């Protein structure tokens, strides 16, 4: 009997994965924003991914 290997990520999970990674990047950006302006850009990049990931997960 063959084992089924999951190689395809479900559509709804993809958006949540993007949002989760965006949250991690936002946290990193928040820490770096205290030291320099480059961190503020990373924070914005992460927040954009959180928003887009959540919107993608709600799309049918």
PDB file of N, CA and C in Angstrom:
ATOM      1  N   UNK A   1       0.835  -1.173   0.000  1.00  0.00           N
ATOM      2  CA  UNK A   1       0.000   0.000   0.000  1.00  0.00           C
ATOM      3  C   UNK A   1       0.887   1.245   0.000  1.00  0.00           C
ATOM      4  N   UNK A   2       0.614   2.136  -0.930  1.00  0.00           N
ATOM      5  CA  UNK A   2       1.410   3.345  -1.056  1.00  0.00           C
ATOM      6  C   UNK A   2       0.960   4.392  -0.055  1.00  0.00           C
ATOM      7  N   UNK A   3       1.953   5.113   0.477  1.00  0.00           N
ATOM      8  CA  UNK A   3       1.639   6.234   1.348  1.00  0.00           C
ATOM      9  C   UNK A   3       1.362   7.461   0.503  1.00  0.00           C
ATOM     10  N   UNK A   4       0.365   8.226   0.905  1.00  0.00           N
ATOM     11  CA  UNK A   4       0.062   9.460   0.184  1.00  0.00           C
ATOM     12  C   UNK A   4       0.904  10.582   0.785  1.00  0.00           C
ATOM     13  N   UNK A   5       1.699  11.214  -0.050  1.00  0.00           N
ATOM     14  CA  UNK A   5       2.553  12.302   0.390  1.00  0.00           C
ATOM     15  C   UNK A   5       1.892  13.614  -0.021  1.00  0.00           C
ATOM     16  N   UNK A   6       1.717  14.487   0.942  1.00  0.00           N
ATOM     17  CA  UNK A   6       1.109  15.776   0.665  1.00  0.00           C
ATOM     18  C   UNK A   6       2.160  16.722   0.104  1.00  0.00           C
ATOM     19  N   UNK A   7       2.058  17.001  -1.175  1.00  0.00           N
ATOM     20  CA  UNK A   7       3.013  17.896  -1.800  1.00  0.00           C
ATOM     21  C   UNK A   7       2.361  19.209  -2.202  1.00  0.00           C
ATOM     22  N   UNK A   8       1.054  19.257  -2.179  1.00  0.00           N
ATOM     23  CA  UNK A   8       0.343  20.455  -2.585  1.00  0.00           C
ATOM     24  C   UNK A   8      -0.272  21.117  -1.359  1.00  0.00           C
ATOM     25  N   UNK A   9      -0.004  22.397  -1.190  1.00  0.00           N
ATOM     26  CA  UNK A   9      -0.558  23.145  -0.068  1.00  0.00           C
ATOM     27  C   UNK A   9      -1.953  23.601  -0.448  1.00  0.00           C
ATOM     28  N   UNK A  10      -2.899  23.395   0.447  1.00  0.00           N
ATOM     29  CA  UNK A  10      -4.265  23.838   0.180  1.00  0.00           C
ATOM     30  C   UNK A  10      -4.288  25.352   0.022  1.00  0.00           C
ATOM     31  N   UNK A  11      -5.240  25.843  -0.761  1.00  0.00           N
ATOM     32  CA  UNK A  11      -5.311  27.267  -1.065  1.00  0.00           C
ATOM     33  C   UNK A  11      -5.486  28.098   0.200  1.00  0.00           C
ATOM     34  N   UNK A  12      -6.353  27.692   1.095  1.00  0.00           N
ATOM     35  CA  UNK A  12      -6.597  28.482   2.290  1.00  0.00           C
ATOM     36  C   UNK A  12      -5.377  28.478   3.211  1.00  0.00           C
ATOM     37  N   UNK A  13      -4.655  27.404   3.230  1.00  0.00           N
ATOM     38  CA  UNK A  13      -3.456  27.337   4.066  1.00  0.00           C
ATOM     39  C   UNK A  13      -2.359  28.256   3.556  1.00  0.00           C
ATOM     40  N   UNK A  14      -2.301  28.475   2.262  1.00  0.00           N
ATOM     41  CA  UNK A  14      -1.268  29.333   1.691  1.00  0.00           C
ATOM     42  C   UNK A  14      -1.375  30.749   2.240  1.00  0.00           C
ATOM     43  N   UNK A  15      -2.589  31.276   2.291  1.00  0.00           N
ATOM     44  CA  UNK A  15      -2.782  32.622   2.819  1.00  0.00           C
ATOM     45  C   UNK A  15      -2.395  32.724   4.283  1.00  0.00           C
ATOM     46  N   UNK A  16      -2.708  31.695   5.043  1.00  0.00           N
ATOM     47  CA  UNK A  16      -2.355  31.711   6.457  1.00  0.00           C
ATOM     48  C   UNK A  16      -0.847  31.588   6.663  1.00  0.00           C
ATOM     49  N   UNK A  17      -0.195  30.843   5.804  1.00  0.00           N
ATOM     50  CA  UNK A  17       1.266  30.723   5.874  1.00  0.00           C
ATOM     51  C   UNK A  17       1.913  32.072   5.575  1.00  0.00           C
ATOM     52  N   UNK A  18       1.416  32.758   4.554  1.00  0.00           N
ATOM     53  CA  UNK A  18       1.943  34.081   4.205  1.00  0.00           C
ATOM     54  C   UNK A  18       1.711  35.062   5.355  1.00  0.00           C
ATOM     55  N   UNK A  19       0.521  35.006   5.970  1.00  0.00           N
ATOM     56  CA  UNK A  19       0.222  35.894   7.094  1.00  0.00           C
ATOM     57  C   UNK A  19       1.125  35.585   8.287  1.00  0.00           C
ATOM     58  N   UNK A  20       1.379  34.323   8.537  1.00  0.00           N
ATOM     59  CA  UNK A  20       2.266  33.944   9.643  1.00  0.00           C
ATOM     60  C   UNK A  20       3.691  34.404   9.430  1.00  0.00           C
ATOM     61  N   UNK A  21       4.182  34.232   8.217  1.00  0.00           N
ATOM     62  CA  UNK A  21       5.531  34.715   7.917  1.00  0.00           C
ATOM     63  C   UNK A  21       5.592  36.239   7.991  1.00  0.00           C
ATOM     64  N   UNK A  22       4.511  36.892   7.564  1.00  0.00           N
ATOM     65  CA  UNK A  22       4.445  38.346   7.673  1.00  0.00           C
ATOM     66  C   UNK A  22       4.483  38.805   9.115  1.00  0.00           C
ATOM     67  N   UNK A  23       3.839  38.050  10.000  1.00  0.00           N
ATOM     68  CA  UNK A  23       3.864  38.393  11.422  1.00  0.00           C
ATOM     69  C   UNK A  23       5.282  38.263  11.978  1.00  0.00           C
ATOM     70  N   UNK A  24       5.984  37.228  11.555  1.00  0.00           N
ATOM     71  CA  UNK A  24       7.366  37.053  12.008  1.00  0.00           C
ATOM     72  C   UNK A  24       8.257  38.183  11.504  1.00  0.00           C
ATOM     73  N   UNK A  25       8.093  38.558  10.247  1.00  0.00           N
ATOM     74  CA  UNK A  25       8.884  39.649   9.676  1.00  0.00           C
ATOM     75  C   UNK A  25       8.524  40.970  10.347  1.00  0.00           C
ATOM     76  N   UNK A  26       7.252  41.155  10.677  1.00  0.00           N
ATOM     77  CA  UNK A  26       6.835  42.375  11.377  1.00  0.00           C
ATOM     78  C   UNK A  26       7.480  42.474  12.749  1.00  0.00           C
ATOM     79  N   UNK A  27       7.564  41.361  13.440  1.00  0.00           N
ATOM     80  CA  UNK A  27       8.231  41.351  14.738  1.00  0.00           C
ATOM     81  C   UNK A  27       9.694  41.719  14.625  1.00  0.00           C
ATOM     82  N   UNK A  28      10.349  41.169  13.615  1.00  0.00           N
ATOM     83  CA  UNK A  28      11.748  41.511  13.374  1.00  0.00           C
ATOM     84  C   UNK A  28      11.885  42.985  13.035  1.00  0.00           C
ATOM     85  N   UNK A  29      10.977  43.484  12.205  1.00  0.00           N
ATOM     86  CA  UNK A  29      11.015  44.899  11.833  1.00  0.00           C
ATOM     87  C   UNK A  29      10.778  45.813  13.012  1.00  0.00           C
ATOM     88  N   UNK A  30       9.891  45.410  13.928  1.00  0.00           N
ATOM     89  CA  UNK A  30       9.622  46.232  15.109  1.00  0.00           C
ATOM     90  C   UNK A  30      10.863  46.341  15.993  1.00  0.00           C
ATOM     91  N   UNK A  31      11.594  45.245  16.102  1.00  0.00           N
ATOM     92  CA  UNK A  31      12.829  45.276  16.896  1.00  0.00           C
ATOM     93  C   UNK A  31      13.872  46.159  16.218  1.00  0.00           C
ATOM     94  N   UNK A  32      14.000  46.030  14.910  1.00  0.00           N
ATOM     95  CA  UNK A  32      15.002  46.816  14.184  1.00  0.00           C
ATOM     96  C   UNK A  32      14.604  48.275  14.046  1.00  0.00           C
ATOM     97  N   UNK A  33      13.307  48.581  14.095  1.00  0.00           N
ATOM     98  CA  UNK A  33      12.850  49.958  13.929  1.00  0.00           C
ATOM     99  C   UNK A  33      13.311  50.844  15.077  1.00  0.00           C
ATOM    100  N   UNK A  34      13.600  50.255  16.206  1.00  0.00           N
ATOM    101  CA  UNK A  34      14.097  51.044  17.341  1.00  0.00           C
ATOM    102  C   UNK A  34      15.502  51.565  17.083  1.00  0.00           C
ATOM    103  N   UNK A  35      16.234  50.876  16.202  1.00  0.00           N
ATOM    104  CA  UNK A  35      17.633  51.240  15.970  1.00  0.00           C
ATOM    105  C   UNK A  35      17.823  52.100  14.728  1.00  0.00           C
ATOM    106  N   UNK A  36      17.063  51.812  13.655  1.00  0.00           N
ATOM    107  CA  UNK A  36      17.266  52.567  12.419  1.00  0.00           C
ATOM    108  C   UNK A  36      15.990  52.581  11.572  1.00  0.00           C
ATOM    109  N   UNK A  37      16.012  53.362  10.518  1.00  0.00           N
ATOM    110  CA  UNK A  37      14.826  53.491   9.658  1.00  0.00           C
ATOM    111  C   UNK A  37      14.643  52.279   8.749  1.00  0.00           C
ATOM    112  N   UNK A  38      15.655  51.513   8.550  1.00  0.00           N
ATOM    113  CA  UNK A  38      15.547  50.302   7.739  1.00  0.00           C
ATOM    114  C   UNK A  38      14.547  49.328   8.365  1.00  0.00           C
ATOM    115  N   UNK A  39      14.507  49.284   9.674  1.00  0.00           N
ATOM    116  CA  UNK A  39      13.566  48.424  10.383  1.00  0.00           C
ATOM    117  C   UNK A  39      12.125  48.821  10.137  1.00  0.00           C
ATOM    118  N   UNK A  40      11.871  50.122   9.960  1.00  0.00           N
ATOM    119  CA  UNK A  40      10.511  50.578   9.675  1.00  0.00           C
ATOM    120  C   UNK A  40      10.038  50.041   8.323  1.00  0.00           C
ATOM    121  N   UNK A  41      10.925  49.962   7.371  1.00  0.00           N
ATOM    122  CA  UNK A  41      10.583  49.389   6.071  1.00  0.00           C
ATOM    123  C   UNK A  41      10.276  47.906   6.164  1.00  0.00           C
ATOM    124  N   UNK A  42      11.051  47.205   6.962  1.00  0.00           N
ATOM    125  CA  UNK A  42      10.812  45.770   7.169  1.00  0.00           C
ATOM    126  C   UNK A  42       9.487  45.561   7.899  1.00  0.00           C
ATOM    127  N   UNK A  43       9.183  46.418   8.855  1.00  0.00           N
ATOM    128  CA  UNK A  43       7.908  46.334   9.573  1.00  0.00           C
ATOM    129  C   UNK A  43       6.740  46.519   8.607  1.00  0.00           C
ATOM    130  N   UNK A  44       6.812  47.512   7.752  1.00  0.00           N
ATOM    131  CA  UNK A  44       5.752  47.745   6.768  1.00  0.00           C
ATOM    132  C   UNK A  44       5.609  46.595   5.790  1.00  0.00           C
ATOM    133  N   UNK A  45       6.729  46.037   5.362  1.00  0.00           N
ATOM    134  CA  UNK A  45       6.717  44.891   4.456  1.00  0.00           C
ATOM    135  C   UNK A  45       6.015  43.699   5.106  1.00  0.00           C
ATOM    136  N   UNK A  46       6.316  43.461   6.380  1.00  0.00           N
ATOM    137  CA  UNK A  46       5.686  42.358   7.102  1.00  0.00           C
ATOM    138  C   UNK A  46       4.195  42.581   7.301  1.00  0.00           C
ATOM    139  N   UNK A  47       3.808  43.803   7.655  1.00  0.00           N
ATOM    140  CA  UNK A  47       2.389  44.102   7.854  1.00  0.00           C
ATOM    141  C   UNK A  47       1.602  43.969   6.558  1.00  0.00           C
ATOM    142  N   UNK A  48       2.219  44.341   5.445  1.00  0.00           N
ATOM    143  CA  UNK A  48       1.559  44.172   4.151  1.00  0.00           C
ATOM    144  C   UNK A  48       1.322  42.692   3.863  1.00  0.00           C
ATOM    145  N   UNK A  49       2.281  41.859   4.206  1.00  0.00           N
ATOM    146  CA  UNK A  49       2.103  40.425   3.980  1.00  0.00           C
ATOM    147  C   UNK A  49       1.039  39.833   4.895  1.00  0.00           C
ATOM    148  N   UNK A  50       0.927  40.347   6.106  1.00  0.00           N
ATOM    149  CA  UNK A  50      -0.142  39.885   6.997  1.00  0.00           C
ATOM    150  C   UNK A  50      -1.489  40.216   6.381  1.00  0.00           C
ATOM    151  N   UNK A  51      -1.655  41.452   5.937  1.00  0.00           N
ATOM    152  CA  UNK A  51      -2.931  41.874   5.356  1.00  0.00           C
ATOM    153  C   UNK A  51      -3.257  41.086   4.087  1.00  0.00           C
ATOM    154  N   UNK A  52      -2.287  40.952   3.199  1.00  0.00           N
ATOM    155  CA  UNK A  52      -2.538  40.238   1.943  1.00  0.00           C
ATOM    156  C   UNK A  52      -2.756  38.746   2.169  1.00  0.00           C
ATOM    157  N   UNK A  53      -2.054  38.181   3.125  1.00  0.00           N
ATOM    158  CA  UNK A  53      -2.247  36.766   3.432  1.00  0.00           C
ATOM    159  C   UNK A  53      -3.628  36.486   3.988  1.00  0.00           C
ATOM    160  N   UNK A  54      -4.108  37.368   4.865  1.00  0.00           N
ATOM    161  CA  UNK A  54      -5.451  37.182   5.411  1.00  0.00           C
ATOM    162  C   UNK A  54      -6.525  37.387   4.349  1.00  0.00           C
ATOM    163  N   UNK A  55      -6.315  38.361   3.477  1.00  0.00           N
ATOM    164  CA  UNK A  55      -7.264  38.559   2.377  1.00  0.00           C
ATOM    165  C   UNK A  55      -7.271  37.355   1.441  1.00  0.00           C
ATOM    166  N   UNK A  56      -6.105  36.800   1.184  1.00  0.00           N
ATOM    167  CA  UNK A  56      -6.008  35.638   0.300  1.00  0.00           C
ATOM    168  C   UNK A  56      -6.699  34.425   0.913  1.00  0.00           C
ATOM    169  N   UNK A  57      -6.597  34.268   2.222  1.00  0.00           N
ATOM    170  CA  UNK A  57      -7.225  33.110   2.861  1.00  0.00           C
ATOM    171  C   UNK A  57      -8.751  33.234   2.872  1.00  0.00           C
ATOM    172  N   UNK A  58      -9.294  34.440   2.767  1.00  0.00           N
ATOM    173  CA  UNK A  58     -10.745  34.637   2.753  1.00  0.00           C
ATOM    174  C   UNK A  58     -11.326  34.552   1.341  1.00  0.00           C
ATOM    175  N   UNK A  59     -10.463  34.625   0.338  1.00  0.00           N
ATOM    176  CA  UNK A  59     -10.925  34.588  -1.048  1.00  0.00           C
ATOM    177  C   UNK A  59     -11.405  33.200  -1.419  1.00  0.00           C
ATOM    178  N   UNK A  60     -12.474  33.130  -2.154  1.00  0.00           N
ATOM    179  CA  UNK A  60     -13.016  31.813  -2.583  1.00  0.00           C
ATOM    180  C   UNK A  60     -12.487  31.391  -3.910  1.00  0.00           C
TER     181      UNK A  60
END
